[in-house]
């Protein structure tokens, strides 16, 4: 009998399922990687938006006379 068959018999229904990161956190390793990719992408998008807003306020705003608020 091969190792895979022994492991399948020992684990039963849990055979082939991913383990959670921590026992009390219901997130698998694959889900954690997907969350990491999503948060990284959203962070870069937020940085891009922040730069666009800053450039608008810094350069385009004064062109319309918005700098005379003081």
PDB file of N, CA and C in Angstrom:
ATOM      1  N   UNK A   1       0.851  -1.179   0.000  1.00  0.00           N
ATOM      2  CA  UNK A   1       0.000   0.000   0.000  1.00  0.00           C
ATOM      3  C   UNK A   1       0.894   1.239   0.000  1.00  0.00           C
ATOM      4  N   UNK A   2       0.565   2.194  -0.843  1.00  0.00           N
ATOM      5  CA  UNK A   2       1.372   3.397  -0.967  1.00  0.00           C
ATOM      6  C   UNK A   2       1.081   4.406   0.133  1.00  0.00           C
ATOM      7  N   UNK A   3       1.987   5.342   0.242  1.00  0.00           N
ATOM      8  CA  UNK A   3       1.853   6.390   1.260  1.00  0.00           C
ATOM      9  C   UNK A   3       0.588   7.219   1.061  1.00  0.00           C
ATOM     10  N   UNK A   4       0.253   7.526  -0.180  1.00  0.00           N
ATOM     11  CA  UNK A   4      -0.938   8.335  -0.456  1.00  0.00           C
ATOM     12  C   UNK A   4      -2.204   7.619   0.002  1.00  0.00           C
ATOM     13  N   UNK A   5      -2.259   6.322  -0.221  1.00  0.00           N
ATOM     14  CA  UNK A   5      -3.445   5.560   0.214  1.00  0.00           C
ATOM     15  C   UNK A   5      -3.540   5.539   1.735  1.00  0.00           C
ATOM     16  N   UNK A   6      -2.407   5.364   2.407  1.00  0.00           N
ATOM     17  CA  UNK A   6      -2.405   5.377   3.879  1.00  0.00           C
ATOM     18  C   UNK A   6      -2.876   6.736   4.396  1.00  0.00           C
ATOM     19  N   UNK A   7      -2.362   7.777   3.776  1.00  0.00           N
ATOM     20  CA  UNK A   7      -2.740   9.122   4.204  1.00  0.00           C
ATOM     21  C   UNK A   7      -4.227   9.358   3.950  1.00  0.00           C
ATOM     22  N   UNK A   8      -4.742   8.874   2.814  1.00  0.00           N
ATOM     23  CA  UNK A   8      -6.153   9.040   2.488  1.00  0.00           C
ATOM     24  C   UNK A   8      -7.032   8.309   3.491  1.00  0.00           C
ATOM     25  N   UNK A   9      -6.638   7.129   3.878  1.00  0.00           N
ATOM     26  CA  UNK A   9      -7.408   6.379   4.870  1.00  0.00           C
ATOM     27  C   UNK A   9      -7.341   7.042   6.238  1.00  0.00           C
ATOM     28  N   UNK A  10      -6.199   7.598   6.577  1.00  0.00           N
ATOM     29  CA  UNK A  10      -6.033   8.222   7.902  1.00  0.00           C
ATOM     30  C   UNK A  10      -6.834   9.531   7.996  1.00  0.00           C
ATOM     31  N   UNK A  11      -6.831  10.319   6.924  1.00  0.00           N
ATOM     32  CA  UNK A  11      -7.504  11.616   6.959  1.00  0.00           C
ATOM     33  C   UNK A  11      -8.999  11.517   6.661  1.00  0.00           C
ATOM     34  N   UNK A  12      -9.416  10.539   5.930  1.00  0.00           N
ATOM     35  CA  UNK A  12     -10.836  10.387   5.616  1.00  0.00           C
ATOM     36  C   UNK A  12     -11.344  11.506   4.729  1.00  0.00           C
ATOM     37  N   UNK A  13     -12.369  12.232   5.182  1.00  0.00           N
ATOM     38  CA  UNK A  13     -12.977  13.299   4.386  1.00  0.00           C
ATOM     39  C   UNK A  13     -12.059  14.505   4.213  1.00  0.00           C
ATOM     40  N   UNK A  14     -11.124  14.700   5.107  1.00  0.00           N
ATOM     41  CA  UNK A  14     -10.246  15.866   5.045  1.00  0.00           C
ATOM     42  C   UNK A  14      -9.103  15.689   4.046  1.00  0.00           C
ATOM     43  N   UNK A  15      -9.009  14.529   3.403  1.00  0.00           N
ATOM     44  CA  UNK A  15      -7.935  14.271   2.447  1.00  0.00           C
ATOM     45  C   UNK A  15      -8.068  15.200   1.242  1.00  0.00           C
ATOM     46  N   UNK A  16      -7.010  15.884   0.888  1.00  0.00           N
ATOM     47  CA  UNK A  16      -6.989  16.768  -0.265  1.00  0.00           C
ATOM     48  C   UNK A  16      -7.459  18.183   0.022  1.00  0.00           C
ATOM     49  N   UNK A  17      -7.941  18.444   1.214  1.00  0.00           N
ATOM     50  CA  UNK A  17      -8.384  19.791   1.561  1.00  0.00           C
ATOM     51  C   UNK A  17      -7.215  20.577   2.151  1.00  0.00           C
ATOM     52  N   UNK A  18      -7.224  21.859   1.882  1.00  0.00           N
ATOM     53  CA  UNK A  18      -6.156  22.707   2.409  1.00  0.00           C
ATOM     54  C   UNK A  18      -6.346  22.951   3.899  1.00  0.00           C
ATOM     55  N   UNK A  19      -5.229  23.137   4.565  1.00  0.00           N
ATOM     56  CA  UNK A  19      -5.286  23.476   5.986  1.00  0.00           C
ATOM     57  C   UNK A  19      -5.457  24.977   6.144  1.00  0.00           C
ATOM     58  N   UNK A  20      -6.021  25.365   7.279  1.00  0.00           N
ATOM     59  CA  UNK A  20      -6.154  26.789   7.581  1.00  0.00           C
ATOM     60  C   UNK A  20      -4.801  27.344   8.010  1.00  0.00           C
ATOM     61  N   UNK A  21      -4.676  28.655   7.922  1.00  0.00           N
ATOM     62  CA  UNK A  21      -3.429  29.301   8.345  1.00  0.00           C
ATOM     63  C   UNK A  21      -3.209  29.040   9.833  1.00  0.00           C
ATOM     64  N   UNK A  22      -4.207  29.340  10.607  1.00  0.00           N
ATOM     65  CA  UNK A  22      -4.199  29.084  12.047  1.00  0.00           C
ATOM     66  C   UNK A  22      -5.488  28.335  12.378  1.00  0.00           C
ATOM     67  N   UNK A  23      -5.490  27.538  13.411  1.00  0.00           N
ATOM     68  CA  UNK A  23      -6.698  26.766  13.723  1.00  0.00           C
ATOM     69  C   UNK A  23      -7.937  27.629  13.972  1.00  0.00           C
ATOM     70  N   UNK A  24      -7.769  28.823  14.515  1.00  0.00           N
ATOM     71  CA  UNK A  24      -8.918  29.667  14.843  1.00  0.00           C
ATOM     72  C   UNK A  24      -9.262  30.666  13.735  1.00  0.00           C
ATOM     73  N   UNK A  25      -8.506  30.689  12.647  1.00  0.00           N
ATOM     74  CA  UNK A  25      -8.766  31.584  11.524  1.00  0.00           C
ATOM     75  C   UNK A  25      -9.258  30.740  10.344  1.00  0.00           C
ATOM     76  N   UNK A  26     -10.501  30.938   9.909  1.00  0.00           N
ATOM     77  CA  UNK A  26     -11.042  30.104   8.829  1.00  0.00           C
ATOM     78  C   UNK A  26     -10.609  30.544   7.429  1.00  0.00           C
ATOM     79  N   UNK A  27      -9.305  30.746   7.240  1.00  0.00           N
ATOM     80  CA  UNK A  27      -8.772  31.167   5.949  1.00  0.00           C
ATOM     81  C   UNK A  27      -7.671  30.192   5.553  1.00  0.00           C
ATOM     82  N   UNK A  28      -7.772  29.665   4.321  1.00  0.00           N
ATOM     83  CA  UNK A  28      -6.749  28.743   3.844  1.00  0.00           C
ATOM     84  C   UNK A  28      -5.558  29.527   3.295  1.00  0.00           C
ATOM     85  N   UNK A  29      -4.491  28.815   2.999  1.00  0.00           N
ATOM     86  CA  UNK A  29      -3.291  29.478   2.485  1.00  0.00           C
ATOM     87  C   UNK A  29      -3.544  30.122   1.124  1.00  0.00           C
ATOM     88  N   UNK A  30      -4.306  29.458   0.275  1.00  0.00           N
ATOM     89  CA  UNK A  30      -4.616  30.021  -1.040  1.00  0.00           C
ATOM     90  C   UNK A  30      -5.450  31.287  -0.905  1.00  0.00           C
ATOM     91  N   UNK A  31      -6.425  31.266   0.000  1.00  0.00           N
ATOM     92  CA  UNK A  31      -7.242  32.467   0.222  1.00  0.00           C
ATOM     93  C   UNK A  31      -6.387  33.604   0.765  1.00  0.00           C
ATOM     94  N   UNK A  32      -5.437  33.294   1.624  1.00  0.00           N
ATOM     95  CA  UNK A  32      -4.550  34.323   2.166  1.00  0.00           C
ATOM     96  C   UNK A  32      -3.707  34.948   1.056  1.00  0.00           C
ATOM     97  N   UNK A  33      -3.244  34.134   0.120  1.00  0.00           N
ATOM     98  CA  UNK A  33      -2.474  34.674  -1.001  1.00  0.00           C
ATOM     99  C   UNK A  33      -3.337  35.578  -1.870  1.00  0.00           C
ATOM    100  N   UNK A  34      -4.581  35.192  -2.098  1.00  0.00           N
ATOM    101  CA  UNK A  34      -5.486  36.015  -2.896  1.00  0.00           C
ATOM    102  C   UNK A  34      -5.783  37.341  -2.198  1.00  0.00           C
ATOM    103  N   UNK A  35      -5.979  37.306  -0.889  1.00  0.00           N
ATOM    104  CA  UNK A  35      -6.218  38.530  -0.122  1.00  0.00           C
ATOM    105  C   UNK A  35      -4.996  39.441  -0.193  1.00  0.00           C
ATOM    106  N   UNK A  36      -3.800  38.847  -0.097  1.00  0.00           N
ATOM    107  CA  UNK A  36      -2.557  39.615  -0.178  1.00  0.00           C
ATOM    108  C   UNK A  36      -2.443  40.312  -1.538  1.00  0.00           C
ATOM    109  N   UNK A  37      -2.724  39.577  -2.627  1.00  0.00           N
ATOM    110  CA  UNK A  37      -2.659  40.171  -3.960  1.00  0.00           C
ATOM    111  C   UNK A  37      -3.682  41.303  -4.109  1.00  0.00           C
ATOM    112  N   UNK A  38      -4.890  41.088  -3.606  1.00  0.00           N
ATOM    113  CA  UNK A  38      -5.937  42.101  -3.712  1.00  0.00           C
ATOM    114  C   UNK A  38      -5.564  43.365  -2.942  1.00  0.00           C
ATOM    115  N   UNK A  39      -5.094  43.215  -1.704  1.00  0.00           N
ATOM    116  CA  UNK A  39      -4.743  44.396  -0.914  1.00  0.00           C
ATOM    117  C   UNK A  39      -3.553  45.136  -1.511  1.00  0.00           C
ATOM    118  N   UNK A  40      -2.613  44.399  -2.099  1.00  0.00           N
ATOM    119  CA  UNK A  40      -1.480  45.059  -2.749  1.00  0.00           C
ATOM    120  C   UNK A  40      -1.949  45.871  -3.947  1.00  0.00           C
ATOM    121  N   UNK A  41      -2.830  45.286  -4.755  1.00  0.00           N
ATOM    122  CA  UNK A  41      -3.346  45.993  -5.931  1.00  0.00           C
ATOM    123  C   UNK A  41      -4.141  47.229  -5.516  1.00  0.00           C
ATOM    124  N   UNK A  42      -4.988  47.098  -4.518  1.00  0.00           N
ATOM    125  CA  UNK A  42      -5.795  48.228  -4.046  1.00  0.00           C
ATOM    126  C   UNK A  42      -4.891  49.321  -3.478  1.00  0.00           C
ATOM    127  N   UNK A  43      -3.838  48.937  -2.787  1.00  0.00           N
ATOM    128  CA  UNK A  43      -2.903  49.933  -2.240  1.00  0.00           C
ATOM    129  C   UNK A  43      -2.245  50.742  -3.354  1.00  0.00           C
ATOM    130  N   UNK A  44      -1.798  50.068  -4.423  1.00  0.00           N
ATOM    131  CA  UNK A  44      -1.170  50.784  -5.526  1.00  0.00           C
ATOM    132  C   UNK A  44      -2.169  51.693  -6.232  1.00  0.00           C
ATOM    133  N   UNK A  45      -3.404  51.252  -6.356  1.00  0.00           N
ATOM    134  CA  UNK A  45      -4.438  52.100  -6.957  1.00  0.00           C
ATOM    135  C   UNK A  45      -4.665  53.338  -6.092  1.00  0.00           C
ATOM    136  N   UNK A  46      -4.710  53.146  -4.768  1.00  0.00           N
ATOM    137  CA  UNK A  46      -4.904  54.279  -3.853  1.00  0.00           C
ATOM    138  C   UNK A  46      -3.731  55.249  -3.931  1.00  0.00           C
ATOM    139  N   UNK A  47      -2.528  54.741  -4.055  1.00  0.00           N
ATOM    140  CA  UNK A  47      -1.356  55.616  -4.192  1.00  0.00           C
ATOM    141  C   UNK A  47      -1.465  56.425  -5.484  1.00  0.00           C
ATOM    142  N   UNK A  48      -1.883  55.789  -6.575  1.00  0.00           N
ATOM    143  CA  UNK A  48      -2.057  56.487  -7.847  1.00  0.00           C
ATOM    144  C   UNK A  48      -3.107  57.578  -7.762  1.00  0.00           C
ATOM    145  N   UNK A  49      -4.220  57.287  -7.098  1.00  0.00           N
ATOM    146  CA  UNK A  49      -5.276  58.291  -6.923  1.00  0.00           C
ATOM    147  C   UNK A  49      -4.771  59.445  -6.071  1.00  0.00           C
ATOM    148  N   UNK A  50      -4.044  59.134  -5.018  1.00  0.00           N
ATOM    149  CA  UNK A  50      -3.487  60.178  -4.155  1.00  0.00           C
ATOM    150  C   UNK A  50      -2.554  61.101  -4.940  1.00  0.00           C
ATOM    151  N   UNK A  51      -1.718  60.531  -5.782  1.00  0.00           N
ATOM    152  CA  UNK A  51      -0.805  61.338  -6.596  1.00  0.00           C
ATOM    153  C   UNK A  51      -1.595  62.196  -7.583  1.00  0.00           C
ATOM    154  N   UNK A  52      -2.627  61.617  -8.196  1.00  0.00           N
ATOM    155  CA  UNK A  52      -3.441  62.380  -9.152  1.00  0.00           C
ATOM    156  C   UNK A  52      -4.134  63.548  -8.467  1.00  0.00           C
ATOM    157  N   UNK A  53      -4.674  63.326  -7.288  1.00  0.00           N
ATOM    158  CA  UNK A  53      -5.336  64.404  -6.542  1.00  0.00           C
ATOM    159  C   UNK A  53      -4.317  65.466  -6.149  1.00  0.00           C
ATOM    160  N   UNK A  54      -3.155  65.040  -5.695  1.00  0.00           N
ATOM    161  CA  UNK A  54      -2.127  66.000  -5.301  1.00  0.00           C
ATOM    162  C   UNK A  54      -1.698  66.853  -6.492  1.00  0.00           C
ATOM    163  N   UNK A  55      -1.483  66.224  -7.652  1.00  0.00           N
ATOM    164  CA  UNK A  55      -1.090  66.983  -8.837  1.00  0.00           C
ATOM    165  C   UNK A  55      -2.184  67.960  -9.257  1.00  0.00           C
ATOM    166  N   UNK A  56      -3.431  67.529  -9.131  1.00  0.00           N
ATOM    167  CA  UNK A  56      -4.543  68.421  -9.479  1.00  0.00           C
ATOM    168  C   UNK A  56      -4.565  69.629  -8.566  1.00  0.00           C
ATOM    169  N   UNK A  57      -4.450  69.408  -7.278  1.00  0.00           N
ATOM    170  CA  UNK A  57      -4.487  70.513  -6.321  1.00  0.00           C
ATOM    171  C   UNK A  57      -3.258  71.391  -6.466  1.00  0.00           C
ATOM    172  N   UNK A  58      -2.117  70.791  -6.702  1.00  0.00           N
ATOM    173  CA  UNK A  58      -0.853  71.529  -6.732  1.00  0.00           C
ATOM    174  C   UNK A  58      -0.683  72.365  -7.998  1.00  0.00           C
ATOM    175  N   UNK A  59      -1.036  71.800  -9.157  1.00  0.00           N
ATOM    176  CA  UNK A  59      -0.745  72.481 -10.418  1.00  0.00           C
ATOM    177  C   UNK A  59      -1.977  73.016 -11.138  1.00  0.00           C
ATOM    178  N   UNK A  60      -3.030  72.266 -11.178  1.00  0.00           N
ATOM    179  CA  UNK A  60      -4.213  72.703 -11.910  1.00  0.00           C
ATOM    180  C   UNK A  60      -5.025  73.699 -11.087  1.00  0.00           C
ATOM    181  N   UNK A  61      -5.100  73.497  -9.797  1.00  0.00           N
ATOM    182  CA  UNK A  61      -5.846  74.396  -8.921  1.00  0.00           C
ATOM    183  C   UNK A  61      -5.386  75.838  -9.005  1.00  0.00           C
ATOM    184  N   UNK A  62      -4.092  76.117  -8.871  1.00  0.00           N
ATOM    185  CA  UNK A  62      -3.628  77.504  -8.981  1.00  0.00           C
ATOM    186  C   UNK A  62      -3.879  78.124 -10.357  1.00  0.00           C
ATOM    187  N   UNK A  63      -3.944  77.320 -11.396  1.00  0.00           N
ATOM    188  CA  UNK A  63      -4.203  77.859 -12.734  1.00  0.00           C
ATOM    189  C   UNK A  63      -5.598  78.472 -12.819  1.00  0.00           C
ATOM    190  N   UNK A  64      -6.524  77.995 -11.994  1.00  0.00           N
ATOM    191  CA  UNK A  64      -7.877  78.546 -11.970  1.00  0.00           C
ATOM    192  C   UNK A  64      -8.046  79.598 -10.885  1.00  0.00           C
ATOM    193  N   UNK A  65      -6.970  79.977 -10.190  1.00  0.00           N
ATOM    194  CA  UNK A  65      -7.042  81.007  -9.191  1.00  0.00           C
ATOM    195  C   UNK A  65      -7.487  80.516  -7.827  1.00  0.00           C
ATOM    196  N   UNK A  66      -7.406  79.243  -7.595  1.00  0.00           N
ATOM    197  CA  UNK A  66      -7.831  78.695  -6.308  1.00  0.00           C
ATOM    198  C   UNK A  66      -6.810  78.921  -5.204  1.00  0.00           C
ATOM    199  N   UNK A  67      -5.645  79.423  -5.545  1.00  0.00           N
ATOM    200  CA  UNK A  67      -4.596  79.604  -4.548  1.00  0.00           C
ATOM    201  C   UNK A  67      -4.810  80.876  -3.731  1.00  0.00           C
ATOM    202  N   UNK A  68      -5.735  81.738  -4.132  1.00  0.00           N
ATOM    203  CA  UNK A  68      -5.960  82.988  -3.437  1.00  0.00           C
ATOM    204  C   UNK A  68      -6.937  82.847  -2.272  1.00  0.00           C
ATOM    205  N   UNK A  69      -7.040  81.667  -1.707  1.00  0.00           N
ATOM    206  CA  UNK A  69      -7.951  81.418  -0.606  1.00  0.00           C
ATOM    207  C   UNK A  69      -7.412  82.054   0.678  1.00  0.00           C
ATOM    208  N   UNK A  70      -6.120  82.184   0.817  1.00  0.00           N
ATOM    209  CA  UNK A  70      -5.518  82.675   2.050  1.00  0.00           C
ATOM    210  C   UNK A  70      -5.907  84.102   2.307  1.00  0.00           C
TER     211      UNK A  70
END
